């Protein structure tokens, strides 16, 4: 699950699933599956997908600083 949190941060930072997948050395469908699994785990939609990429939802914005803090601690 830790990888999924990192993938979430990369999507937010890089703005697209494609760029985040490249950074993670994954295919785009694999990264999308990781994000879906994370969203199922937390029980909320974390990213809003659109034609130009993705951006965090309100739930994603609320979770983001906590995820960054946890990843930095590790």
N, C-alpha and C. Protein backbone atom coordinates (compact mmCIF):
# COMPACT_ATOMS: atom_id res chain seq x y z
N UNK A 1 0.82 -1.20 0.00
CA UNK A 1 0.00 0.00 0.00
C UNK A 1 0.86 1.26 0.00
N UNK A 2 2.06 1.16 0.58
CA UNK A 2 2.95 2.31 0.62
C UNK A 2 3.26 2.83 -0.79
N UNK A 3 3.46 1.93 -1.73
CA UNK A 3 3.72 2.34 -3.11
C UNK A 3 2.56 3.15 -3.67
N UNK A 4 1.35 2.76 -3.35
CA UNK A 4 0.17 3.46 -3.86
C UNK A 4 0.15 4.91 -3.37
N UNK A 5 0.55 5.12 -2.12
CA UNK A 5 0.60 6.49 -1.60
C UNK A 5 1.65 7.31 -2.36
N UNK A 6 2.79 6.69 -2.66
CA UNK A 6 3.82 7.39 -3.44
C UNK A 6 3.31 7.69 -4.84
N UNK A 7 2.60 6.76 -5.43
CA UNK A 7 2.04 6.98 -6.77
C UNK A 7 1.07 8.16 -6.75
N UNK A 8 0.25 8.23 -5.71
CA UNK A 8 -0.69 9.34 -5.55
C UNK A 8 0.06 10.68 -5.53
N UNK A 9 1.12 10.76 -4.75
CA UNK A 9 1.90 12.00 -4.66
C UNK A 9 2.49 12.35 -6.02
N UNK A 10 3.01 11.36 -6.73
CA UNK A 10 3.60 11.64 -8.04
C UNK A 10 2.56 12.12 -9.04
N UNK A 11 1.37 11.55 -9.02
CA UNK A 11 0.33 12.03 -9.93
C UNK A 11 0.03 13.50 -9.64
N UNK A 12 -0.09 13.84 -8.37
CA UNK A 12 -0.35 15.24 -8.01
C UNK A 12 0.80 16.13 -8.43
N UNK A 13 2.01 15.74 -8.13
CA UNK A 13 3.19 16.57 -8.44
C UNK A 13 3.43 16.71 -9.93
N UNK A 14 3.26 15.63 -10.67
CA UNK A 14 3.57 15.64 -12.11
C UNK A 14 2.37 16.00 -12.98
N UNK A 15 1.18 15.86 -12.42
CA UNK A 15 -0.02 16.31 -13.12
C UNK A 15 -0.69 15.32 -14.05
N UNK A 16 -0.02 14.20 -14.32
CA UNK A 16 -0.63 13.21 -15.21
C UNK A 16 -0.30 11.80 -14.72
N UNK A 17 -1.20 10.88 -15.05
CA UNK A 17 -0.96 9.48 -14.73
C UNK A 17 0.21 8.96 -15.57
N UNK A 18 0.32 9.41 -16.80
CA UNK A 18 1.38 8.94 -17.69
C UNK A 18 2.76 9.30 -17.14
N UNK A 19 2.93 10.54 -16.73
CA UNK A 19 4.22 10.98 -16.18
C UNK A 19 4.53 10.26 -14.87
N UNK A 20 3.51 10.09 -14.02
CA UNK A 20 3.71 9.38 -12.75
C UNK A 20 4.07 7.92 -13.01
N UNK A 21 3.43 7.31 -13.99
CA UNK A 21 3.74 5.91 -14.33
C UNK A 21 5.19 5.79 -14.80
N UNK A 22 5.64 6.72 -15.61
CA UNK A 22 7.02 6.69 -16.08
C UNK A 22 7.98 6.82 -14.90
N UNK A 23 7.68 7.71 -13.97
CA UNK A 23 8.53 7.90 -12.79
C UNK A 23 8.57 6.64 -11.94
N UNK A 24 7.43 5.95 -11.86
CA UNK A 24 7.34 4.73 -11.05
C UNK A 24 7.83 3.49 -11.79
N UNK A 25 8.18 3.65 -13.06
CA UNK A 25 8.60 2.52 -13.91
C UNK A 25 7.48 1.48 -14.01
N UNK A 26 6.26 1.98 -14.21
CA UNK A 26 5.07 1.15 -14.38
C UNK A 26 4.37 1.52 -15.67
N UNK A 27 3.50 0.63 -16.13
CA UNK A 27 2.63 1.01 -17.23
C UNK A 27 1.55 1.92 -16.66
N UNK A 28 0.94 2.71 -17.53
CA UNK A 28 -0.12 3.61 -17.07
C UNK A 28 -1.30 2.82 -16.48
N UNK A 29 -1.72 1.71 -17.09
CA UNK A 29 -2.80 0.94 -16.47
C UNK A 29 -2.44 0.40 -15.08
N UNK A 30 -1.19 0.01 -14.89
CA UNK A 30 -0.78 -0.49 -13.57
C UNK A 30 -0.82 0.62 -12.52
N UNK A 31 -0.39 1.81 -12.90
CA UNK A 31 -0.45 2.94 -11.97
C UNK A 31 -1.91 3.29 -11.68
N UNK A 32 -2.76 3.29 -12.68
CA UNK A 32 -4.18 3.57 -12.48
C UNK A 32 -4.80 2.56 -11.52
N UNK A 33 -4.42 1.31 -11.64
CA UNK A 33 -4.93 0.27 -10.75
C UNK A 33 -4.46 0.52 -9.32
N UNK A 34 -3.23 0.96 -9.17
CA UNK A 34 -2.70 1.27 -7.85
C UNK A 34 -3.50 2.40 -7.20
N UNK A 35 -3.81 3.43 -7.97
CA UNK A 35 -4.59 4.56 -7.46
C UNK A 35 -6.00 4.12 -7.12
N UNK A 36 -6.61 3.31 -7.97
CA UNK A 36 -7.97 2.80 -7.69
C UNK A 36 -8.00 2.01 -6.39
N UNK A 37 -6.98 1.18 -6.18
CA UNK A 37 -6.88 0.39 -4.97
C UNK A 37 -6.75 1.30 -3.74
N UNK A 38 -5.95 2.35 -3.87
CA UNK A 38 -5.80 3.31 -2.78
C UNK A 38 -7.12 4.02 -2.50
N UNK A 39 -7.81 4.45 -3.55
CA UNK A 39 -9.10 5.12 -3.37
C UNK A 39 -10.11 4.19 -2.71
N UNK A 40 -10.10 2.92 -3.07
CA UNK A 40 -10.97 1.94 -2.41
C UNK A 40 -10.60 1.80 -0.94
N UNK A 41 -9.31 1.79 -0.66
CA UNK A 41 -8.82 1.63 0.71
C UNK A 41 -9.24 2.80 1.60
N UNK A 42 -9.10 4.02 1.10
CA UNK A 42 -9.44 5.19 1.91
C UNK A 42 -10.93 5.54 1.83
N UNK A 43 -11.62 4.96 0.87
CA UNK A 43 -13.06 5.18 0.76
C UNK A 43 -13.46 6.51 0.17
N UNK A 44 -12.58 7.07 -0.65
CA UNK A 44 -12.89 8.37 -1.27
C UNK A 44 -12.14 8.50 -2.58
N UNK A 45 -12.70 9.28 -3.48
CA UNK A 45 -12.02 9.62 -4.74
C UNK A 45 -10.94 10.64 -4.41
N UNK A 46 -9.71 10.37 -4.77
CA UNK A 46 -8.59 11.24 -4.43
C UNK A 46 -8.15 12.13 -5.59
N UNK A 47 -8.42 11.69 -6.81
CA UNK A 47 -7.97 12.42 -7.99
C UNK A 47 -9.12 12.62 -8.97
N UNK A 48 -9.18 13.80 -9.53
CA UNK A 48 -10.14 14.12 -10.58
C UNK A 48 -9.39 14.04 -11.90
N UNK A 49 -9.81 13.12 -12.74
CA UNK A 49 -9.16 12.93 -14.03
C UNK A 49 -9.83 13.83 -15.06
N UNK A 50 -9.04 14.42 -15.93
CA UNK A 50 -9.58 15.22 -17.03
C UNK A 50 -8.66 15.10 -18.24
N UNK A 51 -9.05 15.70 -19.32
CA UNK A 51 -8.32 15.53 -20.59
C UNK A 51 -6.85 15.94 -20.50
N UNK A 52 -6.54 16.91 -19.67
CA UNK A 52 -5.16 17.39 -19.58
C UNK A 52 -4.36 16.76 -18.44
N UNK A 53 -4.96 15.81 -17.73
CA UNK A 53 -4.23 15.16 -16.65
C UNK A 53 -5.12 14.86 -15.47
N UNK A 54 -4.63 15.19 -14.29
CA UNK A 54 -5.37 14.90 -13.07
C UNK A 54 -5.03 15.94 -12.02
N UNK A 55 -5.97 16.14 -11.10
CA UNK A 55 -5.76 17.04 -9.98
C UNK A 55 -6.45 16.45 -8.76
N UNK A 56 -5.97 16.79 -7.57
CA UNK A 56 -6.59 16.21 -6.38
C UNK A 56 -8.00 16.75 -6.14
N UNK A 57 -8.84 15.88 -5.65
CA UNK A 57 -10.17 16.28 -5.19
C UNK A 57 -9.99 16.92 -3.81
N UNK A 58 -11.09 17.33 -3.19
CA UNK A 58 -11.01 17.88 -1.83
C UNK A 58 -10.44 16.84 -0.88
N UNK A 59 -10.86 15.59 -1.03
CA UNK A 59 -10.33 14.51 -0.18
C UNK A 59 -8.83 14.32 -0.45
N UNK A 60 -8.44 14.39 -1.71
CA UNK A 60 -7.02 14.26 -2.05
C UNK A 60 -6.19 15.39 -1.47
N UNK A 61 -6.73 16.61 -1.53
CA UNK A 61 -6.03 17.77 -0.94
C UNK A 61 -5.86 17.60 0.56
N UNK A 62 -6.88 17.06 1.22
CA UNK A 62 -6.81 16.84 2.67
C UNK A 62 -5.80 15.77 3.02
N UNK A 63 -5.71 14.74 2.20
CA UNK A 63 -4.80 13.62 2.47
C UNK A 63 -3.35 13.92 2.11
N UNK A 64 -3.14 14.74 1.11
CA UNK A 64 -1.80 14.97 0.56
C UNK A 64 -0.75 15.38 1.58
N UNK A 65 -0.98 16.37 2.44
CA UNK A 65 0.09 16.74 3.39
C UNK A 65 0.43 15.61 4.36
N UNK A 66 -0.56 14.83 4.73
CA UNK A 66 -0.31 13.72 5.65
C UNK A 66 0.53 12.63 4.97
N UNK A 67 0.22 12.38 3.70
CA UNK A 67 0.98 11.37 2.95
C UNK A 67 2.42 11.83 2.77
N UNK A 68 2.59 13.09 2.40
CA UNK A 68 3.95 13.61 2.22
C UNK A 68 4.74 13.53 3.53
N UNK A 69 4.10 13.86 4.62
CA UNK A 69 4.77 13.79 5.93
C UNK A 69 5.14 12.35 6.27
N UNK A 70 4.24 11.43 6.03
CA UNK A 70 4.52 10.01 6.33
C UNK A 70 5.64 9.48 5.45
N UNK A 71 5.62 9.81 4.17
CA UNK A 71 6.68 9.33 3.27
C UNK A 71 8.03 9.93 3.65
N UNK A 72 8.03 11.21 4.06
CA UNK A 72 9.29 11.84 4.49
C UNK A 72 9.82 11.18 5.75
N UNK A 73 8.94 10.77 6.63
CA UNK A 73 9.36 10.12 7.88
C UNK A 73 9.99 8.76 7.62
N UNK A 74 9.54 8.13 6.55
CA UNK A 74 10.08 6.80 6.22
C UNK A 74 11.40 6.94 5.50
